[in-house]
Amino acid sequence: MGVLKTITMSSKNNVPCFDIPPIIQRDQNALPEYYGRGIYVDTESSHIYLCMNQHVESKKTACYYSNKIGNMWTDMDVRVGAVIGHHSQTKELYAINRNQKTYLYFDLFYKKWLAISNLQFNKTALKNLNTNKTVNLEGDEEKILYNGLNQWMGNVEGLFYRNESSGTWLLKAKWKR
């Protein structure tokens, strides 16, 4: 009798990062909060934001968001290059433009991304951003962000997720190599 082999397939749940032009280098005048590849975890809404600006040409989406375990990813505005956090009082989401030099925020009234001057950012947002859930994943070293039982790890291969109790890392995004 033959051996029964089971092959399972699923829908594409990880963010593609293949066939992309060379890595976009960090500009020497980039804002200090900018990262070329990283994540921000919003504990209030249970969303994770993934940005990989260094791997994506300027006409394509570089940032995505998902539920707390990264099952399905949704494109963000093409101008967003690095999500840096939520304002603790207004709850507006802040980011850095793909040009690495302009702050953006998502206006909750207009429901769109707006630019904000560096001076205005420093006066109104800088001290009110919780950046301890933002992780720069550039480079090859392994970095882990703990969010309760949920854990996110970035390394040279990509972004991985696991629930502390399961112990198995699941690939959610693969970087260009």
N, C-alpha and C. Protein backbone atom coordinates (compact mmCIF):
# COMPACT_ATOMS: atom_id res chain seq x y z
N MET A 1 0.82 -1.17 0.00
CA MET A 1 0.00 0.00 0.00
C MET A 1 0.88 1.25 0.00
N GLY A 2 0.49 2.26 -0.72
CA GLY A 2 1.26 3.50 -0.80
C GLY A 2 1.11 4.36 0.44
N VAL A 3 1.97 5.35 0.54
CA VAL A 3 1.93 6.28 1.65
C VAL A 3 1.11 7.49 1.24
N LEU A 4 0.17 7.86 2.08
CA LEU A 4 -0.66 9.02 1.81
C LEU A 4 0.09 10.29 2.21
N LYS A 5 0.27 11.19 1.27
CA LYS A 5 0.94 12.46 1.54
C LYS A 5 -0.07 13.58 1.41
N THR A 6 -0.07 14.46 2.37
CA THR A 6 -0.99 15.59 2.35
C THR A 6 -0.21 16.87 2.10
N ILE A 7 -0.64 17.61 1.11
CA ILE A 7 -0.03 18.90 0.82
C ILE A 7 -1.11 19.94 1.04
N THR A 8 -0.79 20.92 1.87
CA THR A 8 -1.77 21.98 2.13
C THR A 8 -1.30 23.27 1.49
N MET A 9 -2.25 24.01 1.00
CA MET A 9 -1.94 25.31 0.41
C MET A 9 -2.88 26.33 1.03
N SER A 10 -2.43 27.56 1.08
CA SER A 10 -3.27 28.61 1.63
C SER A 10 -3.16 29.85 0.77
N SER A 11 -4.03 30.79 1.06
CA SER A 11 -3.94 32.06 0.33
C SER A 11 -2.67 32.78 0.75
N LYS A 12 -2.25 33.71 -0.07
CA LYS A 12 -1.02 34.44 0.20
C LYS A 12 -1.26 35.43 1.33
N ASN A 13 -0.69 35.15 2.48
CA ASN A 13 -0.93 35.97 3.65
C ASN A 13 0.28 36.80 4.04
N ASN A 14 1.43 36.57 3.41
CA ASN A 14 2.57 37.41 3.78
C ASN A 14 2.80 38.47 2.72
N VAL A 15 3.42 39.54 3.13
CA VAL A 15 3.60 40.69 2.25
C VAL A 15 4.73 40.41 1.27
N PRO A 16 4.50 40.56 -0.03
CA PRO A 16 5.56 40.30 -0.99
C PRO A 16 6.63 41.38 -0.97
N CYS A 17 7.85 40.96 -1.12
CA CYS A 17 8.96 41.91 -1.17
C CYS A 17 10.00 41.34 -2.14
N PHE A 18 9.54 40.92 -3.33
CA PHE A 18 10.40 40.25 -4.30
C PHE A 18 10.53 41.09 -5.57
N ASP A 19 11.50 40.77 -6.38
CA ASP A 19 11.71 41.43 -7.67
C ASP A 19 11.65 42.95 -7.55
N ILE A 20 12.37 43.48 -6.61
CA ILE A 20 12.35 44.90 -6.30
C ILE A 20 13.72 45.49 -6.63
N PRO A 21 13.75 46.72 -7.12
CA PRO A 21 15.03 47.35 -7.44
C PRO A 21 15.97 47.41 -6.24
N PRO A 22 17.20 47.80 -6.45
CA PRO A 22 18.18 47.84 -5.35
C PRO A 22 17.68 48.62 -4.14
N ILE A 23 18.25 48.31 -3.01
CA ILE A 23 17.87 48.95 -1.76
C ILE A 23 18.05 50.46 -1.84
N ILE A 24 17.05 51.18 -1.34
CA ILE A 24 17.12 52.64 -1.27
C ILE A 24 17.91 52.99 -0.02
N GLN A 25 18.97 53.71 -0.19
CA GLN A 25 19.85 54.06 0.93
C GLN A 25 19.23 55.16 1.79
N ARG A 26 19.64 55.20 3.04
CA ARG A 26 19.20 56.25 3.96
C ARG A 26 19.83 57.57 3.51
N ASP A 27 18.99 58.59 3.38
CA ASP A 27 19.45 59.92 3.01
C ASP A 27 20.23 60.52 4.17
N GLN A 28 21.30 61.24 3.87
CA GLN A 28 22.10 61.84 4.94
C GLN A 28 21.32 62.89 5.73
N ASN A 29 20.24 63.42 5.17
CA ASN A 29 19.40 64.40 5.85
C ASN A 29 18.08 63.81 6.34
N ALA A 30 18.03 62.49 6.48
CA ALA A 30 16.79 61.83 6.92
C ALA A 30 16.44 62.25 8.35
N LEU A 31 15.15 62.27 8.63
CA LEU A 31 14.69 62.59 9.98
C LEU A 31 15.18 61.53 10.96
N PRO A 32 15.44 61.90 12.22
CA PRO A 32 16.03 60.96 13.17
C PRO A 32 15.16 59.73 13.46
N GLU A 33 13.85 59.84 13.34
CA GLU A 33 12.96 58.71 13.62
C GLU A 33 12.80 57.77 12.43
N TYR A 34 13.36 58.15 11.28
CA TYR A 34 13.20 57.35 10.07
C TYR A 34 13.90 56.00 10.18
N TYR A 35 13.27 54.98 9.60
CA TYR A 35 13.90 53.67 9.43
C TYR A 35 13.56 53.16 8.04
N GLY A 36 14.46 52.40 7.45
CA GLY A 36 14.23 51.86 6.11
C GLY A 36 13.39 50.60 6.11
N ARG A 37 13.41 49.91 7.27
CA ARG A 37 12.64 48.67 7.41
C ARG A 37 12.33 48.51 8.89
N GLY A 38 11.05 48.36 9.23
CA GLY A 38 10.71 48.23 10.64
C GLY A 38 9.23 48.04 10.86
N ILE A 39 8.86 47.99 12.15
CA ILE A 39 7.47 47.79 12.53
C ILE A 39 7.07 48.74 13.66
N TYR A 40 5.78 48.97 13.74
CA TYR A 40 5.19 49.68 14.87
C TYR A 40 3.97 48.88 15.29
N VAL A 41 3.86 48.55 16.57
CA VAL A 41 2.72 47.81 17.10
C VAL A 41 1.85 48.76 17.91
N ASP A 42 0.59 48.89 17.51
CA ASP A 42 -0.37 49.72 18.23
C ASP A 42 -1.16 48.81 19.16
N THR A 43 -0.86 48.90 20.45
CA THR A 43 -1.49 48.01 21.42
C THR A 43 -2.97 48.35 21.65
N GLU A 44 -3.36 49.59 21.42
CA GLU A 44 -4.76 49.98 21.63
C GLU A 44 -5.68 49.39 20.57
N SER A 45 -5.27 49.47 19.30
CA SER A 45 -6.12 48.96 18.21
C SER A 45 -5.76 47.54 17.81
N SER A 46 -4.70 46.99 18.39
CA SER A 46 -4.21 45.65 18.04
C SER A 46 -3.81 45.55 16.57
N HIS A 47 -3.26 46.63 16.03
CA HIS A 47 -2.74 46.62 14.66
C HIS A 47 -1.21 46.59 14.70
N ILE A 48 -0.64 46.02 13.66
CA ILE A 48 0.80 46.11 13.45
C ILE A 48 1.01 46.80 12.11
N TYR A 49 1.99 47.68 12.08
CA TYR A 49 2.34 48.42 10.88
C TYR A 49 3.73 47.96 10.45
N LEU A 50 3.86 47.58 9.20
CA LEU A 50 5.11 47.10 8.64
C LEU A 50 5.53 48.03 7.51
N CYS A 51 6.76 48.54 7.59
CA CYS A 51 7.28 49.41 6.54
C CYS A 51 8.61 48.87 6.05
N MET A 52 8.79 48.87 4.74
CA MET A 52 10.04 48.41 4.13
C MET A 52 10.41 49.33 2.98
N ASN A 53 10.54 50.60 3.31
CA ASN A 53 10.85 51.64 2.34
C ASN A 53 12.16 51.36 1.60
N GLN A 54 13.13 50.78 2.28
CA GLN A 54 14.43 50.56 1.64
C GLN A 54 14.37 49.50 0.55
N HIS A 55 13.27 48.75 0.47
CA HIS A 55 13.15 47.68 -0.52
C HIS A 55 12.19 47.99 -1.66
N VAL A 56 11.53 49.15 -1.64
CA VAL A 56 10.43 49.39 -2.57
C VAL A 56 10.64 50.67 -3.36
N GLU A 57 10.47 50.58 -4.68
CA GLU A 57 10.59 51.79 -5.50
C GLU A 57 9.49 52.77 -5.12
N SER A 58 9.70 54.04 -5.41
CA SER A 58 8.84 55.10 -4.87
C SER A 58 7.40 55.09 -5.36
N LYS A 59 7.09 54.40 -6.44
CA LYS A 59 5.73 54.38 -6.96
C LYS A 59 4.89 53.24 -6.36
N LYS A 60 5.49 52.42 -5.51
CA LYS A 60 4.79 51.29 -4.92
C LYS A 60 4.63 51.48 -3.42
N THR A 61 3.65 50.81 -2.86
CA THR A 61 3.40 50.88 -1.43
C THR A 61 4.58 50.30 -0.65
N ALA A 62 5.00 51.02 0.40
CA ALA A 62 6.10 50.56 1.25
C ALA A 62 5.62 50.15 2.64
N CYS A 63 4.42 50.57 3.03
CA CYS A 63 3.91 50.28 4.37
C CYS A 63 2.55 49.59 4.30
N TYR A 64 2.35 48.70 5.25
CA TYR A 64 1.12 47.92 5.34
C TYR A 64 0.69 47.86 6.80
N TYR A 65 -0.57 47.55 7.02
CA TYR A 65 -1.01 47.28 8.39
C TYR A 65 -1.85 46.02 8.40
N SER A 66 -1.92 45.40 9.59
CA SER A 66 -2.63 44.15 9.74
C SER A 66 -3.17 44.03 11.15
N ASN A 67 -3.92 42.95 11.38
CA ASN A 67 -4.38 42.68 12.73
C ASN A 67 -3.18 42.26 13.58
N LYS A 68 -3.42 41.97 14.83
CA LYS A 68 -2.31 41.73 15.75
C LYS A 68 -1.44 40.53 15.42
N ILE A 69 -1.91 39.61 14.58
CA ILE A 69 -1.07 38.47 14.23
C ILE A 69 -0.65 38.45 12.76
N GLY A 70 -0.97 39.49 12.02
CA GLY A 70 -0.48 39.62 10.66
C GLY A 70 -1.04 38.64 9.66
N ASN A 71 -2.32 38.28 9.79
CA ASN A 71 -2.91 37.33 8.85
C ASN A 71 -3.09 37.90 7.45
N MET A 72 -3.64 39.09 7.35
CA MET A 72 -3.84 39.74 6.05
C MET A 72 -3.34 41.17 6.15
N TRP A 73 -2.63 41.63 5.14
CA TRP A 73 -2.01 42.96 5.16
C TRP A 73 -2.76 43.89 4.21
N THR A 74 -2.94 45.13 4.64
CA THR A 74 -3.62 46.15 3.85
C THR A 74 -2.63 47.25 3.50
N ASP A 75 -2.62 47.65 2.22
CA ASP A 75 -1.73 48.72 1.76
C ASP A 75 -2.05 50.03 2.46
N MET A 76 -1.01 50.78 2.74
CA MET A 76 -1.18 52.15 3.25
C MET A 76 -0.91 53.10 2.09
N ASP A 77 -1.09 54.37 2.33
CA ASP A 77 -0.84 55.40 1.33
C ASP A 77 0.60 55.27 0.81
N VAL A 78 0.77 55.44 -0.49
CA VAL A 78 2.08 55.26 -1.13
C VAL A 78 3.12 56.27 -0.62
N ARG A 79 2.68 57.37 -0.02
CA ARG A 79 3.62 58.38 0.49
C ARG A 79 4.26 57.99 1.82
N VAL A 80 3.66 57.04 2.53
CA VAL A 80 4.15 56.65 3.86
C VAL A 80 5.36 55.74 3.72
N GLY A 81 6.46 56.13 4.39
CA GLY A 81 7.69 55.34 4.33
C GLY A 81 8.10 54.70 5.64
N ALA A 82 7.67 55.26 6.78
CA ALA A 82 8.00 54.71 8.10
C ALA A 82 6.96 55.20 9.10
N VAL A 83 6.21 54.28 9.69
CA VAL A 83 5.23 54.63 10.72
C VAL A 83 5.98 54.74 12.04
N ILE A 84 5.77 55.86 12.76
CA ILE A 84 6.55 56.07 13.98
C ILE A 84 5.73 56.07 15.26
N GLY A 85 4.41 56.11 15.19
CA GLY A 85 3.62 56.00 16.41
C GLY A 85 2.35 56.81 16.41
N HIS A 86 1.56 56.62 17.47
CA HIS A 86 0.32 57.37 17.68
C HIS A 86 0.54 58.48 18.69
N HIS A 87 -0.14 59.58 18.48
CA HIS A 87 -0.14 60.68 19.44
C HIS A 87 -0.96 60.22 20.65
N SER A 88 -0.41 60.33 21.84
CA SER A 88 -1.07 59.80 23.03
C SER A 88 -2.38 60.50 23.37
N GLN A 89 -2.56 61.75 22.93
CA GLN A 89 -3.79 62.48 23.25
C GLN A 89 -4.77 62.50 22.09
N THR A 90 -4.31 62.84 20.90
CA THR A 90 -5.22 62.96 19.75
C THR A 90 -5.47 61.63 19.05
N LYS A 91 -4.62 60.63 19.30
CA LYS A 91 -4.69 59.29 18.70
C LYS A 91 -4.39 59.29 17.20
N GLU A 92 -3.87 60.40 16.69
CA GLU A 92 -3.49 60.45 15.27
C GLU A 92 -2.21 59.64 15.06
N LEU A 93 -2.15 58.96 13.93
CA LEU A 93 -1.00 58.15 13.58
C LEU A 93 0.02 59.02 12.86
N TYR A 94 1.29 58.92 13.26
CA TYR A 94 2.36 59.70 12.65
C TYR A 94 3.29 58.79 11.87
N ALA A 95 3.85 59.36 10.81
CA ALA A 95 4.74 58.61 9.93
C ALA A 95 5.75 59.57 9.30
N ILE A 96 6.67 59.00 8.55
CA ILE A 96 7.64 59.78 7.79
C ILE A 96 7.43 59.45 6.32
N ASN A 97 7.45 60.48 5.51
CA ASN A 97 7.26 60.36 4.07
C ASN A 97 8.36 59.49 3.46
N ARG A 98 8.08 58.96 2.28
CA ARG A 98 9.06 58.15 1.55
C ARG A 98 10.34 58.92 1.26
N ASN A 99 10.27 60.25 1.23
CA ASN A 99 11.47 61.05 0.96
C ASN A 99 12.39 61.12 2.17
N GLN A 100 11.96 60.55 3.31
CA GLN A 100 12.75 60.45 4.54
C GLN A 100 12.92 61.79 5.27
N LYS A 101 12.30 62.87 4.77
CA LYS A 101 12.54 64.21 5.31
C LYS A 101 11.29 64.95 5.75
N THR A 102 10.11 64.35 5.59
CA THR A 102 8.86 65.04 5.89
C THR A 102 8.01 64.21 6.84
N TYR A 103 7.52 64.86 7.89
CA TYR A 103 6.60 64.19 8.81
C TYR A 103 5.19 64.20 8.22
N LEU A 104 4.45 63.13 8.47
CA LEU A 104 3.06 63.00 8.06
C LEU A 104 2.23 62.61 9.28
N TYR A 105 0.96 62.94 9.24
CA TYR A 105 0.04 62.39 10.23
C TYR A 105 -1.29 62.10 9.56
N PHE A 106 -1.99 61.10 10.09
CA PHE A 106 -3.28 60.74 9.53
C PHE A 106 -4.35 61.54 10.26
N ASP A 107 -4.94 62.50 9.55
CA ASP A 107 -5.95 63.37 10.14
C ASP A 107 -7.25 62.60 10.30
N LEU A 108 -7.74 62.50 11.52
CA LEU A 108 -8.93 61.71 11.81
C LEU A 108 -10.22 62.35 11.29
N PHE A 109 -10.23 63.67 11.11
CA PHE A 109 -11.41 64.35 10.57
C PHE A 109 -11.48 64.19 9.05
N TYR A 110 -10.38 64.50 8.37
CA TYR A 110 -10.34 64.43 6.91
C TYR A 110 -10.10 63.01 6.39
N LYS A 111 -9.66 62.11 7.27
CA LYS A 111 -9.40 60.71 6.90
C LYS A 111 -8.36 60.60 5.79
N LYS A 112 -7.28 61.39 5.93
CA LYS A 112 -6.20 61.29 4.95
C LYS A 112 -4.89 61.75 5.59
N TRP A 113 -3.79 61.41 4.92
CA TRP A 113 -2.46 61.78 5.38
C TRP A 113 -2.17 63.23 5.01
N LEU A 114 -1.67 63.98 5.98
CA LEU A 114 -1.29 65.37 5.77
C LEU A 114 0.15 65.57 6.21
N ALA A 115 0.85 66.47 5.53
CA ALA A 115 2.23 66.80 5.91
C ALA A 115 2.19 67.77 7.08
N ILE A 116 3.23 67.72 7.88
CA ILE A 116 3.37 68.61 9.03
C ILE A 116 4.82 69.10 9.05
N SER A 117 5.02 70.37 9.36
CA SER A 117 6.38 70.92 9.37
C SER A 117 7.17 70.32 10.54
N ASN A 118 8.48 70.35 10.42
CA ASN A 118 9.34 69.86 11.49
C ASN A 118 9.09 70.63 12.78
N LEU A 119 8.93 71.94 12.66
CA LEU A 119 8.68 72.79 13.83
C LEU A 119 7.36 72.40 14.50
N GLN A 120 6.32 72.22 13.70
CA GLN A 120 5.02 71.85 14.24
C GLN A 120 5.09 70.45 14.89
N PHE A 121 5.80 69.52 14.25
CA PHE A 121 5.96 68.18 14.82
C PHE A 121 6.66 68.26 16.18
N ASN A 122 7.74 69.03 16.24
CA ASN A 122 8.48 69.15 17.50
C ASN A 122 7.65 69.79 18.61
N LYS A 123 6.78 70.72 18.25
CA LYS A 123 5.94 71.40 19.25
C LYS A 123 4.77 70.55 19.72
N THR A 124 4.11 69.86 18.78
CA THR A 124 2.84 69.21 19.12
C THR A 124 2.88 67.70 19.25
N ALA A 125 3.82 67.05 18.60
CA ALA A 125 3.77 65.59 18.55
C ALA A 125 4.93 64.88 19.23
N LEU A 126 6.11 65.39 19.11
CA LEU A 126 7.31 64.67 19.54
C LEU A 126 7.21 64.12 20.96
N LYS A 127 6.79 64.94 21.89
CA LYS A 127 6.72 64.52 23.30
C LYS A 127 5.51 63.64 23.59
N ASN A 128 4.60 63.55 22.64
CA ASN A 128 3.37 62.78 22.86
C ASN A 128 3.32 61.47 22.08
N LEU A 129 4.43 61.09 21.44
CA LEU A 129 4.46 59.82 20.71
C LEU A 129 5.03 58.73 21.60
N ASN A 130 4.37 57.60 21.60
CA ASN A 130 4.89 56.44 22.31
C ASN A 130 5.67 55.61 21.30
N THR A 131 6.98 55.72 21.33
CA THR A 131 7.81 55.05 20.33
C THR A 131 8.43 53.75 20.84
N ASN A 132 8.05 53.30 22.04
CA ASN A 132 8.66 52.07 22.54
C ASN A 132 8.12 50.81 21.86
N LYS A 133 7.11 50.96 21.01
CA LYS A 133 6.60 49.82 20.23
C LYS A 133 6.99 49.95 18.76
N THR A 134 7.99 50.79 18.47
CA THR A 134 8.53 50.92 17.13
C THR A 134 9.91 50.27 17.12
N VAL A 135 10.14 49.39 16.14
CA VAL A 135 11.41 48.68 16.07
C VAL A 135 12.02 48.84 14.69
N ASN A 136 13.24 49.33 14.64
CA ASN A 136 14.01 49.43 13.40
C ASN A 136 14.57 48.04 13.11
N LEU A 137 14.23 47.48 11.96
CA LEU A 137 14.66 46.13 11.60
C LEU A 137 15.70 46.13 10.48
N GLU A 138 16.37 47.24 10.30
CA GLU A 138 17.45 47.27 9.31
C GLU A 138 18.60 46.42 9.84
N GLY A 139 19.41 45.93 8.93
CA GLY A 139 20.55 45.12 9.34
C GLY A 139 20.18 43.65 9.43
N ASP A 140 21.15 42.85 9.82
CA ASP A 140 20.99 41.40 9.82
C ASP A 140 20.72 40.81 11.20
N GLU A 141 20.89 41.60 12.26
CA GLU A 141 20.72 41.03 13.59
C GLU A 141 19.24 40.78 13.89
N GLU A 142 19.02 39.81 14.76
CA GLU A 142 17.67 39.42 15.15
C GLU A 142 17.16 40.37 16.23
N LYS A 143 15.96 40.90 16.04
CA LYS A 143 15.33 41.78 17.04
C LYS A 143 13.92 41.27 17.30
N ILE A 144 13.55 41.22 18.59
CA ILE A 144 12.24 40.71 18.97
C ILE A 144 11.49 41.78 19.74
N LEU A 145 10.22 41.96 19.37
CA LEU A 145 9.33 42.87 20.09
C LEU A 145 8.28 42.02 20.79
N TYR A 146 8.19 42.19 22.10
CA TYR A 146 7.21 41.46 22.90
C TYR A 146 5.99 42.34 23.12
N ASN A 147 4.82 41.79 22.81
CA ASN A 147 3.56 42.51 23.00
C ASN A 147 2.58 41.54 23.66
N GLY A 148 2.68 41.40 24.96
CA GLY A 148 1.89 40.40 25.66
C GLY A 148 2.35 39.02 25.23
N LEU A 149 1.40 38.17 24.82
CA LEU A 149 1.77 36.85 24.33
C LEU A 149 2.27 36.87 22.90
N ASN A 150 1.97 37.94 22.18
CA ASN A 150 2.39 38.05 20.78
C ASN A 150 3.83 38.53 20.70
N GLN A 151 4.60 37.90 19.82
CA GLN A 151 5.99 38.27 19.62
C GLN A 151 6.25 38.46 18.14
N TRP A 152 7.00 39.51 17.82
CA TRP A 152 7.40 39.80 16.45
C TRP A 152 8.92 39.78 16.39
N MET A 153 9.48 39.09 15.40
CA MET A 153 10.92 39.02 15.25
C MET A 153 11.29 39.42 13.82
N GLY A 154 12.27 40.30 13.71
CA GLY A 154 12.82 40.65 12.41
C GLY A 154 14.27 40.21 12.37
N ASN A 155 14.68 39.67 11.23
CA ASN A 155 16.08 39.29 11.04
C ASN A 155 16.42 39.45 9.56
N VAL A 156 17.53 38.88 9.14
CA VAL A 156 17.99 39.03 7.76
C VAL A 156 16.99 38.45 6.75
N GLU A 157 16.20 37.47 7.16
CA GLU A 157 15.25 36.81 6.26
C GLU A 157 13.95 37.59 6.08
N GLY A 158 13.40 38.11 7.19
CA GLY A 158 12.11 38.77 7.10
C GLY A 158 11.51 39.05 8.45
N LEU A 159 10.19 39.18 8.48
CA LEU A 159 9.43 39.44 9.70
C LEU A 159 8.66 38.18 10.06
N PHE A 160 8.76 37.78 11.32
CA PHE A 160 8.13 36.57 11.81
C PHE A 160 7.23 36.89 13.00
N TYR A 161 6.22 36.04 13.20
CA TYR A 161 5.30 36.19 14.33
C TYR A 161 5.19 34.86 15.05
N ARG A 162 5.01 34.93 16.36
CA ARG A 162 4.62 33.75 17.11
C ARG A 162 3.86 34.17 18.35
N ASN A 163 2.99 33.25 18.77
CA ASN A 163 2.33 33.39 20.05
C ASN A 163 3.22 32.65 21.03
N GLU A 164 3.57 33.27 22.12
CA GLU A 164 4.53 32.71 23.06
C GLU A 164 4.24 31.25 23.39
N SER A 165 2.98 30.88 23.46
CA SER A 165 2.64 29.51 23.83
C SER A 165 2.92 28.51 22.72
N SER A 166 2.91 28.94 21.46
CA SER A 166 3.10 27.98 20.36
C SER A 166 4.57 27.66 20.11
N GLY A 167 5.44 28.65 20.26
CA GLY A 167 6.86 28.41 20.08
C GLY A 167 7.33 28.36 18.64
N THR A 168 6.43 28.39 17.66
CA THR A 168 6.81 28.31 16.26
C THR A 168 6.76 29.69 15.62
N TRP A 169 7.86 30.09 14.98
CA TRP A 169 7.89 31.38 14.28
C TRP A 169 7.26 31.20 12.91
N LEU A 170 6.32 32.08 12.55
CA LEU A 170 5.66 32.06 11.25
C LEU A 170 6.10 33.26 10.43
N LEU A 171 6.57 33.03 9.21
CA LEU A 171 7.01 34.11 8.33
C LEU A 171 5.81 34.94 7.89
N LYS A 172 5.89 36.26 8.08
CA LYS A 172 4.82 37.17 7.67
C LYS A 172 5.25 38.10 6.54
N ALA A 173 6.53 38.37 6.40
CA ALA A 173 7.06 39.19 5.30
C ALA A 173 8.49 38.76 5.04
N LYS A 174 8.84 38.66 3.77
CA LYS A 174 10.20 38.26 3.41
C LYS A 174 10.89 39.44 2.74
N TRP A 175 12.07 39.78 3.25
CA TRP A 175 12.84 40.89 2.68
C TRP A 175 13.50 40.44 1.39
N LYS A 176 13.82 41.39 0.55
CA LYS A 176 14.61 41.13 -0.64
C LYS A 176 16.04 40.84 -0.21
N ARG A 177 16.68 39.85 -0.79
CA ARG A 177 18.05 39.50 -0.42
C ARG A 177 18.99 39.80 -1.55
